């Protein structure tokens, strides 16, 4: 019976963060940084962030969706 107890004692999460989720999170972070750079009117940083966003594949959905 101890074997079945150990299986119950270690629940497993079926929602795993895969590469797509991590990529989406990185894209969100870059977009937020871009918004900050644009607010500060930092053209050099904005250009760098736009390049990084494009390298990740950009945002394929419209803003706000």
N, C-alpha and C. Protein backbone atom coordinates (compact mmCIF):
# COMPACT_ATOMS: atom_id res chain seq x y z
N UNK A 1 0.81 -1.19 0.00
CA UNK A 1 0.00 0.00 0.00
C UNK A 1 0.86 1.26 0.00
N UNK A 2 2.08 1.17 0.49
CA UNK A 2 2.94 2.34 0.51
C UNK A 2 3.30 2.78 -0.91
N UNK A 3 3.31 1.86 -1.87
CA UNK A 3 3.60 2.24 -3.25
C UNK A 3 2.54 3.16 -3.82
N UNK A 4 1.26 2.89 -3.50
CA UNK A 4 0.19 3.74 -4.00
C UNK A 4 0.18 5.09 -3.28
N UNK A 5 0.61 5.10 -2.02
CA UNK A 5 0.68 6.36 -1.27
C UNK A 5 1.72 7.29 -1.88
N UNK A 6 2.86 6.76 -2.27
CA UNK A 6 3.92 7.61 -2.82
C UNK A 6 3.49 8.20 -4.15
N UNK A 7 2.68 7.46 -4.90
CA UNK A 7 2.19 8.01 -6.17
C UNK A 7 1.24 9.17 -5.91
N UNK A 8 0.45 9.06 -4.84
CA UNK A 8 -0.47 10.15 -4.52
C UNK A 8 0.25 11.34 -3.88
N UNK A 9 1.37 11.09 -3.25
CA UNK A 9 2.10 12.14 -2.55
C UNK A 9 2.86 13.05 -3.51
N UNK A 10 3.04 12.62 -4.73
CA UNK A 10 3.78 13.44 -5.70
C UNK A 10 2.89 13.75 -6.89
N UNK A 11 1.97 14.71 -6.74
CA UNK A 11 1.10 15.06 -7.87
C UNK A 11 1.92 15.70 -8.99
N UNK A 12 1.49 15.48 -10.17
CA UNK A 12 2.19 16.04 -11.33
C UNK A 12 1.28 17.05 -12.03
N UNK A 13 1.89 18.10 -12.46
CA UNK A 13 1.16 19.12 -13.21
C UNK A 13 1.17 18.73 -14.68
N UNK A 14 0.02 18.76 -15.28
CA UNK A 14 -0.07 18.40 -16.70
C UNK A 14 0.13 19.60 -17.61
N UNK A 15 0.14 20.79 -17.03
CA UNK A 15 0.39 22.00 -17.81
C UNK A 15 1.88 22.32 -17.73
N UNK A 16 2.56 22.09 -18.81
CA UNK A 16 4.00 22.31 -18.80
C UNK A 16 4.33 23.49 -19.70
N UNK A 17 5.26 24.30 -19.26
CA UNK A 17 5.70 25.44 -20.06
C UNK A 17 6.69 24.95 -21.11
N UNK A 18 6.26 24.94 -22.34
CA UNK A 18 7.11 24.51 -23.42
C UNK A 18 7.80 25.69 -24.07
N UNK A 19 8.54 25.43 -25.11
CA UNK A 19 9.27 26.50 -25.79
C UNK A 19 8.34 27.61 -26.31
N UNK A 20 7.14 27.26 -26.76
CA UNK A 20 6.21 28.26 -27.27
C UNK A 20 5.79 29.23 -26.18
N UNK A 21 5.50 28.70 -25.00
CA UNK A 21 5.08 29.55 -23.87
C UNK A 21 6.22 30.46 -23.47
N UNK A 22 7.44 29.91 -23.41
CA UNK A 22 8.60 30.71 -23.04
C UNK A 22 8.86 31.78 -24.08
N UNK A 23 8.70 31.44 -25.36
CA UNK A 23 8.88 32.41 -26.43
C UNK A 23 7.86 33.52 -26.36
N UNK A 24 6.62 33.15 -26.05
CA UNK A 24 5.57 34.16 -25.91
C UNK A 24 5.86 35.10 -24.75
N UNK A 25 6.37 34.53 -23.66
CA UNK A 25 6.69 35.35 -22.49
C UNK A 25 7.84 36.31 -22.82
N UNK A 26 8.84 35.83 -23.51
CA UNK A 26 9.97 36.68 -23.91
C UNK A 26 9.48 37.79 -24.84
N UNK A 27 8.59 37.46 -25.76
CA UNK A 27 8.04 38.45 -26.66
C UNK A 27 7.28 39.53 -25.90
N UNK A 28 6.50 39.13 -24.91
CA UNK A 28 5.77 40.10 -24.09
C UNK A 28 6.72 41.03 -23.34
N UNK A 29 7.80 40.47 -22.81
CA UNK A 29 8.78 41.28 -22.10
C UNK A 29 9.43 42.30 -23.03
N UNK A 30 9.76 41.86 -24.23
CA UNK A 30 10.37 42.78 -25.20
C UNK A 30 9.40 43.87 -25.62
N UNK A 31 8.13 43.51 -25.81
CA UNK A 31 7.13 44.50 -26.19
C UNK A 31 6.92 45.53 -25.08
N UNK A 32 6.95 45.09 -23.85
CA UNK A 32 6.81 46.01 -22.73
C UNK A 32 8.01 46.95 -22.69
N UNK A 33 9.21 46.40 -22.85
CA UNK A 33 10.42 47.22 -22.86
C UNK A 33 10.37 48.23 -24.01
N UNK A 34 9.83 47.82 -25.15
CA UNK A 34 9.68 48.73 -26.29
C UNK A 34 8.73 49.87 -25.95
N UNK A 35 7.64 49.56 -25.30
CA UNK A 35 6.68 50.60 -24.90
C UNK A 35 7.35 51.61 -23.96
N UNK A 36 8.17 51.12 -23.04
CA UNK A 36 8.89 52.01 -22.13
C UNK A 36 9.88 52.88 -22.91
N UNK A 37 10.62 52.26 -23.82
CA UNK A 37 11.60 53.01 -24.61
C UNK A 37 10.92 54.07 -25.48
N UNK A 38 9.78 53.73 -26.05
CA UNK A 38 9.05 54.71 -26.86
C UNK A 38 8.55 55.87 -25.99
N UNK A 39 8.08 55.55 -24.79
CA UNK A 39 7.61 56.59 -23.87
C UNK A 39 8.75 57.53 -23.50
N UNK A 40 9.93 56.97 -23.34
CA UNK A 40 11.11 57.78 -22.99
C UNK A 40 11.76 58.42 -24.21
N UNK A 41 11.21 58.16 -25.37
CA UNK A 41 11.71 58.67 -26.65
C UNK A 41 13.16 58.26 -26.89
N UNK A 42 13.47 57.01 -26.54
CA UNK A 42 14.80 56.46 -26.73
C UNK A 42 14.83 55.71 -28.06
N UNK A 43 15.18 56.42 -29.11
CA UNK A 43 15.13 55.86 -30.47
C UNK A 43 16.10 54.69 -30.64
N UNK A 44 17.31 54.80 -30.06
CA UNK A 44 18.29 53.73 -30.21
C UNK A 44 17.80 52.44 -29.57
N UNK A 45 17.30 52.54 -28.34
CA UNK A 45 16.79 51.35 -27.63
C UNK A 45 15.56 50.79 -28.33
N UNK A 46 14.69 51.67 -28.82
CA UNK A 46 13.49 51.22 -29.53
C UNK A 46 13.86 50.40 -30.76
N UNK A 47 14.87 50.88 -31.50
CA UNK A 47 15.31 50.16 -32.69
C UNK A 47 15.88 48.79 -32.33
N UNK A 48 16.67 48.72 -31.24
CA UNK A 48 17.23 47.44 -30.79
C UNK A 48 16.12 46.47 -30.42
N UNK A 49 15.14 46.96 -29.68
CA UNK A 49 14.04 46.10 -29.24
C UNK A 49 13.19 45.63 -30.42
N UNK A 50 12.97 46.50 -31.38
CA UNK A 50 12.22 46.10 -32.58
C UNK A 50 12.93 44.98 -33.33
N UNK A 51 14.26 45.06 -33.39
CA UNK A 51 15.04 44.01 -34.04
C UNK A 51 14.90 42.69 -33.29
N UNK A 52 14.95 42.75 -31.96
CA UNK A 52 14.82 41.54 -31.16
C UNK A 52 13.44 40.93 -31.30
N UNK A 53 12.42 41.78 -31.35
CA UNK A 53 11.04 41.30 -31.54
C UNK A 53 10.90 40.62 -32.90
N UNK A 54 11.46 41.24 -33.92
CA UNK A 54 11.41 40.66 -35.27
C UNK A 54 12.14 39.32 -35.31
N UNK A 55 13.26 39.21 -34.59
CA UNK A 55 14.03 37.97 -34.58
C UNK A 55 13.25 36.83 -33.93
N UNK A 56 12.36 37.18 -32.99
CA UNK A 56 11.51 36.16 -32.35
C UNK A 56 10.30 35.83 -33.21
N UNK A 57 10.13 36.50 -34.30
CA UNK A 57 9.00 36.24 -35.17
C UNK A 57 7.94 37.31 -35.06
N UNK A 58 8.19 38.33 -34.27
CA UNK A 58 7.24 39.40 -34.13
C UNK A 58 5.96 38.95 -33.47
N UNK A 59 5.01 39.84 -33.45
CA UNK A 59 3.70 39.53 -32.87
C UNK A 59 2.77 39.21 -34.01
N UNK A 60 2.29 37.98 -34.07
CA UNK A 60 1.47 37.55 -35.19
C UNK A 60 0.00 37.91 -35.01
N UNK A 61 -0.40 38.35 -33.82
CA UNK A 61 -1.79 38.75 -33.62
C UNK A 61 -1.86 40.25 -33.38
N UNK A 62 -3.02 40.80 -33.63
CA UNK A 62 -3.18 42.23 -33.49
C UNK A 62 -3.11 42.62 -32.02
N UNK A 63 -2.61 43.82 -31.73
CA UNK A 63 -2.56 44.27 -30.32
C UNK A 63 -3.95 44.26 -29.72
N UNK A 64 -4.00 43.85 -28.47
CA UNK A 64 -5.28 43.85 -27.74
C UNK A 64 -6.13 42.62 -27.97
N UNK A 65 -5.63 41.64 -28.73
CA UNK A 65 -6.41 40.42 -28.97
C UNK A 65 -5.82 39.26 -28.21
